[in-house]
Amino acid sequence: MIAAILSMAFAAPAYAEDGEQVDLQVSIENPTSQHGGTHKAPPRVPQNQIPVVFLNGHTLQFSTPCEGATLQLLDEEGFVVYTVTIPTGTTVIQLPSDLEGEFELQIIRGRYCFFGWIEL
């Protein structure tokens, strides 16, 4: 029974302050694509290169540096509805409060696109 309780602790989502960690995957950026700009091939990226991002309401918090990367939100049809370049030293970004629903969060750094789904 103790082993079962301990295993549940490792399966629980990670939280930072008041947010939930966004599960990110990685693909290689494809500049010739018309929608979304990515080719969903699983490249080999060192684990410490994958951004760690938490979501609390409309606030994104970065636990790893993402400065200079492009942050995008895509709607369910794959259209970009929000984009911003993450400024140097930024650890928090407030997303527009008028965005509601499910979005694909993309953080594009160099030729890599880190992506996951969020709900606002």
N, C-alpha and C. Protein backbone atom coordinates (compact mmCIF):
# COMPACT_ATOMS: atom_id res chain seq x y z
N MET A 1 0.81 -1.17 0.00
CA MET A 1 0.00 0.00 0.00
C MET A 1 0.87 1.26 0.00
N ILE A 2 1.96 1.24 0.74
CA ILE A 2 2.86 2.39 0.77
C ILE A 2 3.46 2.63 -0.61
N ALA A 3 3.83 1.56 -1.31
CA ALA A 3 4.39 1.70 -2.66
C ALA A 3 3.37 2.34 -3.60
N ALA A 4 2.10 1.98 -3.46
CA ALA A 4 1.05 2.55 -4.31
C ALA A 4 0.90 4.05 -4.04
N ILE A 5 0.95 4.44 -2.78
CA ILE A 5 0.84 5.86 -2.43
C ILE A 5 2.03 6.64 -2.96
N LEU A 6 3.23 6.08 -2.81
CA LEU A 6 4.42 6.75 -3.32
C LEU A 6 4.40 6.87 -4.83
N SER A 7 3.91 5.86 -5.54
CA SER A 7 3.87 5.94 -7.00
C SER A 7 2.88 6.99 -7.47
N MET A 8 1.79 7.23 -6.71
CA MET A 8 0.83 8.27 -7.08
C MET A 8 1.47 9.65 -6.96
N ALA A 9 2.36 9.84 -6.01
CA ALA A 9 3.03 11.13 -5.84
C ALA A 9 3.87 11.48 -7.05
N PHE A 10 4.49 10.47 -7.67
CA PHE A 10 5.31 10.73 -8.83
C PHE A 10 4.48 10.92 -10.09
N ALA A 11 3.26 10.45 -10.12
CA ALA A 11 2.39 10.58 -11.29
C ALA A 11 1.59 11.88 -11.28
N ALA A 12 1.55 12.57 -10.17
CA ALA A 12 0.76 13.80 -10.07
C ALA A 12 1.41 14.90 -10.90
N PRO A 13 0.60 15.82 -11.48
CA PRO A 13 1.17 16.93 -12.24
C PRO A 13 1.97 17.86 -11.33
N ALA A 14 3.00 18.48 -11.90
CA ALA A 14 3.83 19.41 -11.14
C ALA A 14 3.17 20.77 -11.07
N TYR A 15 3.32 21.43 -9.93
CA TYR A 15 2.75 22.76 -9.75
C TYR A 15 3.83 23.74 -9.33
N ALA A 16 3.75 24.97 -9.82
CA ALA A 16 4.63 26.06 -9.37
C ALA A 16 3.72 27.14 -8.81
N GLU A 17 3.94 27.50 -7.57
CA GLU A 17 3.10 28.46 -6.89
C GLU A 17 1.64 28.04 -7.06
N ASP A 18 0.89 28.66 -7.95
CA ASP A 18 -0.53 28.32 -8.10
C ASP A 18 -0.85 27.76 -9.47
N GLY A 19 0.14 27.28 -10.23
CA GLY A 19 -0.12 26.83 -11.59
C GLY A 19 0.17 25.36 -11.81
N GLU A 20 -0.25 24.88 -12.97
CA GLU A 20 -0.03 23.50 -13.37
C GLU A 20 0.97 23.46 -14.52
N GLN A 21 1.90 22.50 -14.49
CA GLN A 21 2.92 22.40 -15.52
C GLN A 21 2.29 22.00 -16.86
N VAL A 22 2.72 22.68 -17.92
CA VAL A 22 2.28 22.37 -19.28
C VAL A 22 3.19 21.27 -19.82
N ASP A 23 2.59 20.17 -20.25
CA ASP A 23 3.34 19.04 -20.81
C ASP A 23 3.76 19.40 -22.23
N LEU A 24 5.07 19.58 -22.45
CA LEU A 24 5.57 20.00 -23.76
C LEU A 24 6.24 18.84 -24.50
N GLN A 25 6.01 18.80 -25.80
CA GLN A 25 6.69 17.88 -26.70
C GLN A 25 7.57 18.73 -27.62
N VAL A 26 8.34 18.09 -28.48
CA VAL A 26 9.24 18.84 -29.36
C VAL A 26 9.11 18.36 -30.79
N SER A 27 9.24 19.31 -31.72
CA SER A 27 9.28 18.99 -33.14
C SER A 27 10.31 19.91 -33.78
N ILE A 28 10.64 19.62 -35.03
CA ILE A 28 11.58 20.46 -35.78
C ILE A 28 10.78 21.47 -36.58
N GLU A 29 11.17 22.74 -36.48
CA GLU A 29 10.50 23.82 -37.20
C GLU A 29 10.65 23.60 -38.70
N ASN A 30 9.55 23.75 -39.44
CA ASN A 30 9.54 23.59 -40.89
C ASN A 30 9.05 24.90 -41.51
N PRO A 31 9.96 25.78 -41.95
CA PRO A 31 9.54 27.09 -42.45
C PRO A 31 8.73 27.05 -43.73
N THR A 32 8.64 25.90 -44.40
CA THR A 32 7.87 25.83 -45.65
C THR A 32 6.42 25.46 -45.42
N SER A 33 6.04 25.12 -44.16
CA SER A 33 4.66 24.73 -43.88
C SER A 33 3.74 25.94 -43.89
N GLN A 34 2.50 25.76 -44.37
CA GLN A 34 1.52 26.85 -44.43
C GLN A 34 0.86 27.09 -43.08
N HIS A 35 0.54 26.04 -42.33
CA HIS A 35 -0.17 26.18 -41.06
C HIS A 35 0.70 25.65 -39.93
N GLY A 36 0.89 26.47 -38.90
CA GLY A 36 1.58 26.02 -37.71
C GLY A 36 3.09 26.01 -37.82
N GLY A 37 3.63 25.79 -39.01
CA GLY A 37 5.06 25.87 -39.24
C GLY A 37 5.89 24.74 -38.66
N THR A 38 5.28 23.62 -38.29
CA THR A 38 6.08 22.56 -37.69
C THR A 38 5.88 21.23 -38.39
N HIS A 39 6.90 20.41 -38.27
CA HIS A 39 6.84 19.03 -38.73
C HIS A 39 6.97 18.20 -37.47
N LYS A 40 5.97 17.43 -37.12
CA LYS A 40 5.91 16.73 -35.85
C LYS A 40 6.79 15.47 -35.84
N ALA A 41 8.07 15.64 -36.06
CA ALA A 41 9.02 14.54 -35.96
C ALA A 41 9.71 14.64 -34.61
N PRO A 42 9.88 13.53 -33.89
CA PRO A 42 10.47 13.61 -32.56
C PRO A 42 12.01 13.68 -32.60
N PRO A 43 12.57 14.88 -32.64
CA PRO A 43 14.03 14.99 -32.65
C PRO A 43 14.61 14.70 -31.28
N ARG A 44 15.89 14.45 -31.24
CA ARG A 44 16.58 14.22 -29.97
C ARG A 44 17.05 15.56 -29.42
N VAL A 45 16.46 15.94 -28.32
CA VAL A 45 16.80 17.19 -27.64
C VAL A 45 17.13 16.83 -26.20
N PRO A 46 18.26 17.30 -25.67
CA PRO A 46 18.57 17.01 -24.27
C PRO A 46 17.44 17.50 -23.36
N GLN A 47 17.12 16.71 -22.35
CA GLN A 47 16.01 17.02 -21.44
C GLN A 47 16.14 18.43 -20.84
N ASN A 48 17.37 18.88 -20.56
CA ASN A 48 17.55 20.19 -19.95
C ASN A 48 17.33 21.34 -20.95
N GLN A 49 17.12 21.04 -22.22
CA GLN A 49 16.84 22.06 -23.24
C GLN A 49 15.34 22.31 -23.40
N ILE A 50 14.51 21.40 -22.88
CA ILE A 50 13.06 21.53 -23.01
C ILE A 50 12.56 22.53 -21.96
N PRO A 51 11.84 23.57 -22.38
CA PRO A 51 11.35 24.57 -21.42
C PRO A 51 10.41 23.95 -20.38
N VAL A 52 10.43 24.52 -19.19
CA VAL A 52 9.50 24.13 -18.13
C VAL A 52 8.57 25.33 -17.93
N VAL A 53 7.27 25.11 -18.21
CA VAL A 53 6.29 26.19 -18.21
C VAL A 53 5.09 25.78 -17.36
N PHE A 54 4.60 26.74 -16.58
CA PHE A 54 3.42 26.51 -15.74
C PHE A 54 2.34 27.50 -16.15
N LEU A 55 1.08 27.07 -16.05
CA LEU A 55 -0.06 27.90 -16.40
C LEU A 55 -0.95 28.07 -15.17
N ASN A 56 -1.29 29.32 -14.89
CA ASN A 56 -2.24 29.65 -13.82
C ASN A 56 -3.20 30.69 -14.38
N GLY A 57 -4.40 30.26 -14.73
CA GLY A 57 -5.36 31.17 -15.38
C GLY A 57 -4.83 31.59 -16.74
N HIS A 58 -4.56 32.89 -16.91
CA HIS A 58 -4.00 33.42 -18.15
C HIS A 58 -2.53 33.81 -17.98
N THR A 59 -1.88 33.29 -16.94
CA THR A 59 -0.48 33.62 -16.65
C THR A 59 0.41 32.42 -16.91
N LEU A 60 1.44 32.62 -17.75
CA LEU A 60 2.46 31.59 -17.98
C LEU A 60 3.69 31.95 -17.15
N GLN A 61 4.24 30.97 -16.46
CA GLN A 61 5.46 31.16 -15.67
C GLN A 61 6.52 30.21 -16.20
N PHE A 62 7.72 30.76 -16.47
CA PHE A 62 8.82 29.98 -17.01
C PHE A 62 9.80 29.65 -15.89
N SER A 63 10.07 28.36 -15.69
CA SER A 63 11.08 27.93 -14.70
C SER A 63 12.44 27.76 -15.35
N THR A 64 12.48 27.79 -16.67
CA THR A 64 13.74 27.73 -17.42
C THR A 64 13.77 28.94 -18.35
N PRO A 65 14.95 29.46 -18.66
CA PRO A 65 15.02 30.63 -19.55
C PRO A 65 14.45 30.34 -20.94
N CYS A 66 13.62 31.25 -21.43
CA CYS A 66 13.04 31.14 -22.77
C CYS A 66 13.24 32.42 -23.55
N GLU A 67 14.11 33.30 -23.05
CA GLU A 67 14.30 34.61 -23.66
C GLU A 67 14.72 34.50 -25.12
N GLY A 68 14.12 35.36 -25.92
CA GLY A 68 14.41 35.38 -27.35
C GLY A 68 13.60 34.39 -28.15
N ALA A 69 12.93 33.46 -27.49
CA ALA A 69 12.09 32.48 -28.19
C ALA A 69 10.77 33.14 -28.57
N THR A 70 10.11 32.59 -29.57
CA THR A 70 8.79 33.07 -29.98
C THR A 70 7.73 32.20 -29.32
N LEU A 71 6.79 32.84 -28.64
CA LEU A 71 5.67 32.14 -28.04
C LEU A 71 4.45 32.37 -28.91
N GLN A 72 3.74 31.31 -29.25
CA GLN A 72 2.54 31.41 -30.08
C GLN A 72 1.43 30.60 -29.47
N LEU A 73 0.20 31.05 -29.66
CA LEU A 73 -0.98 30.27 -29.36
C LEU A 73 -1.72 30.04 -30.66
N LEU A 74 -2.07 28.78 -30.93
CA LEU A 74 -2.82 28.42 -32.12
C LEU A 74 -4.19 27.92 -31.69
N ASP A 75 -5.23 28.33 -32.43
CA ASP A 75 -6.57 27.86 -32.11
C ASP A 75 -6.73 26.41 -32.59
N GLU A 76 -7.92 25.86 -32.40
CA GLU A 76 -8.16 24.46 -32.74
C GLU A 76 -8.04 24.17 -34.24
N GLU A 77 -8.13 25.22 -35.08
CA GLU A 77 -7.96 25.03 -36.52
C GLU A 77 -6.52 25.23 -36.97
N GLY A 78 -5.63 25.56 -36.04
CA GLY A 78 -4.22 25.72 -36.36
C GLY A 78 -3.81 27.13 -36.75
N PHE A 79 -4.70 28.10 -36.53
CA PHE A 79 -4.38 29.49 -36.86
C PHE A 79 -3.76 30.19 -35.66
N VAL A 80 -2.71 30.97 -35.90
CA VAL A 80 -2.05 31.72 -34.84
C VAL A 80 -2.98 32.84 -34.39
N VAL A 81 -3.32 32.85 -33.08
CA VAL A 81 -4.19 33.89 -32.54
C VAL A 81 -3.44 34.82 -31.59
N TYR A 82 -2.22 34.45 -31.23
CA TYR A 82 -1.39 35.30 -30.35
C TYR A 82 0.07 34.93 -30.57
N THR A 83 0.93 35.93 -30.66
CA THR A 83 2.36 35.68 -30.79
C THR A 83 3.13 36.80 -30.10
N VAL A 84 4.26 36.43 -29.50
CA VAL A 84 5.12 37.40 -28.82
C VAL A 84 6.52 36.81 -28.75
N THR A 85 7.53 37.69 -28.84
CA THR A 85 8.91 37.27 -28.58
C THR A 85 9.16 37.45 -27.09
N ILE A 86 9.65 36.42 -26.43
CA ILE A 86 9.86 36.47 -24.99
C ILE A 86 11.08 37.33 -24.69
N PRO A 87 10.88 38.45 -23.98
CA PRO A 87 11.99 39.37 -23.69
C PRO A 87 13.01 38.77 -22.71
N THR A 88 14.23 39.29 -22.76
CA THR A 88 15.29 38.87 -21.86
C THR A 88 14.87 39.08 -20.42
N GLY A 89 15.14 38.08 -19.59
CA GLY A 89 14.84 38.17 -18.16
C GLY A 89 13.40 37.90 -17.79
N THR A 90 12.56 37.58 -18.76
CA THR A 90 11.14 37.35 -18.49
C THR A 90 10.92 35.98 -17.88
N THR A 91 10.20 35.94 -16.76
CA THR A 91 9.82 34.67 -16.16
C THR A 91 8.30 34.49 -16.14
N VAL A 92 7.55 35.57 -16.45
CA VAL A 92 6.09 35.51 -16.44
C VAL A 92 5.56 36.27 -17.65
N ILE A 93 4.58 35.68 -18.33
CA ILE A 93 3.87 36.36 -19.42
C ILE A 93 2.39 36.25 -19.15
N GLN A 94 1.71 37.40 -19.23
CA GLN A 94 0.27 37.45 -19.06
C GLN A 94 -0.37 37.34 -20.44
N LEU A 95 -1.16 36.29 -20.65
CA LEU A 95 -1.85 36.10 -21.92
C LEU A 95 -3.11 36.96 -21.94
N PRO A 96 -3.56 37.37 -23.13
CA PRO A 96 -4.75 38.21 -23.23
C PRO A 96 -5.97 37.55 -22.56
N SER A 97 -6.67 38.31 -21.75
CA SER A 97 -7.81 37.77 -21.00
C SER A 97 -9.01 37.44 -21.88
N ASP A 98 -9.04 37.97 -23.11
CA ASP A 98 -10.16 37.68 -24.00
C ASP A 98 -10.02 36.35 -24.73
N LEU A 99 -8.87 35.68 -24.58
CA LEU A 99 -8.70 34.36 -25.19
C LEU A 99 -9.31 33.30 -24.27
N GLU A 100 -10.23 32.52 -24.81
CA GLU A 100 -10.87 31.46 -24.06
C GLU A 100 -10.96 30.22 -24.92
N GLY A 101 -10.77 29.07 -24.30
CA GLY A 101 -10.87 27.80 -25.00
C GLY A 101 -9.57 27.03 -24.93
N GLU A 102 -9.43 26.05 -25.83
CA GLU A 102 -8.24 25.21 -25.87
C GLU A 102 -7.32 25.70 -26.98
N PHE A 103 -6.02 25.80 -26.67
CA PHE A 103 -5.03 26.31 -27.61
C PHE A 103 -3.79 25.44 -27.59
N GLU A 104 -3.10 25.41 -28.73
CA GLU A 104 -1.78 24.80 -28.77
C GLU A 104 -0.78 25.89 -28.44
N LEU A 105 -0.02 25.68 -27.37
CA LEU A 105 1.05 26.59 -26.98
C LEU A 105 2.31 26.15 -27.69
N GLN A 106 2.96 27.07 -28.38
CA GLN A 106 4.24 26.77 -29.04
C GLN A 106 5.30 27.74 -28.53
N ILE A 107 6.46 27.19 -28.21
CA ILE A 107 7.64 28.00 -27.91
C ILE A 107 8.67 27.60 -28.94
N ILE A 108 8.98 28.55 -29.84
CA ILE A 108 9.89 28.27 -30.94
C ILE A 108 11.24 28.88 -30.62
N ARG A 109 12.23 28.01 -30.51
CA ARG A 109 13.60 28.44 -30.20
C ARG A 109 14.52 27.81 -31.25
N GLY A 110 15.11 28.69 -32.09
CA GLY A 110 15.96 28.17 -33.16
C GLY A 110 15.13 27.32 -34.10
N ARG A 111 15.59 26.12 -34.36
CA ARG A 111 14.85 25.23 -35.27
C ARG A 111 13.92 24.27 -34.55
N TYR A 112 13.78 24.43 -33.22
CA TYR A 112 12.92 23.56 -32.44
C TYR A 112 11.64 24.25 -32.03
N CYS A 113 10.55 23.50 -32.05
CA CYS A 113 9.26 23.98 -31.59
C CYS A 113 8.82 23.07 -30.45
N PHE A 114 8.68 23.66 -29.26
CA PHE A 114 8.19 22.94 -28.09
C PHE A 114 6.70 23.26 -28.01
N PHE A 115 5.84 22.24 -27.92
CA PHE A 115 4.41 22.49 -28.00
C PHE A 115 3.62 21.62 -27.03
N GLY A 116 2.51 22.15 -26.62
CA GLY A 116 1.58 21.43 -25.73
C GLY A 116 0.24 22.13 -25.75
N TRP A 117 -0.77 21.50 -25.18
CA TRP A 117 -2.12 22.05 -25.19
C TRP A 117 -2.44 22.68 -23.85
N ILE A 118 -3.08 23.87 -23.90
CA ILE A 118 -3.51 24.55 -22.69
C ILE A 118 -4.97 24.94 -22.84
N GLU A 119 -5.63 25.15 -21.73
CA GLU A 119 -7.02 25.63 -21.74
C GLU A 119 -7.08 26.92 -20.96
N LEU A 120 -7.65 27.93 -21.58
CA LEU A 120 -7.79 29.25 -20.94
C LEU A 120 -9.26 29.53 -20.67
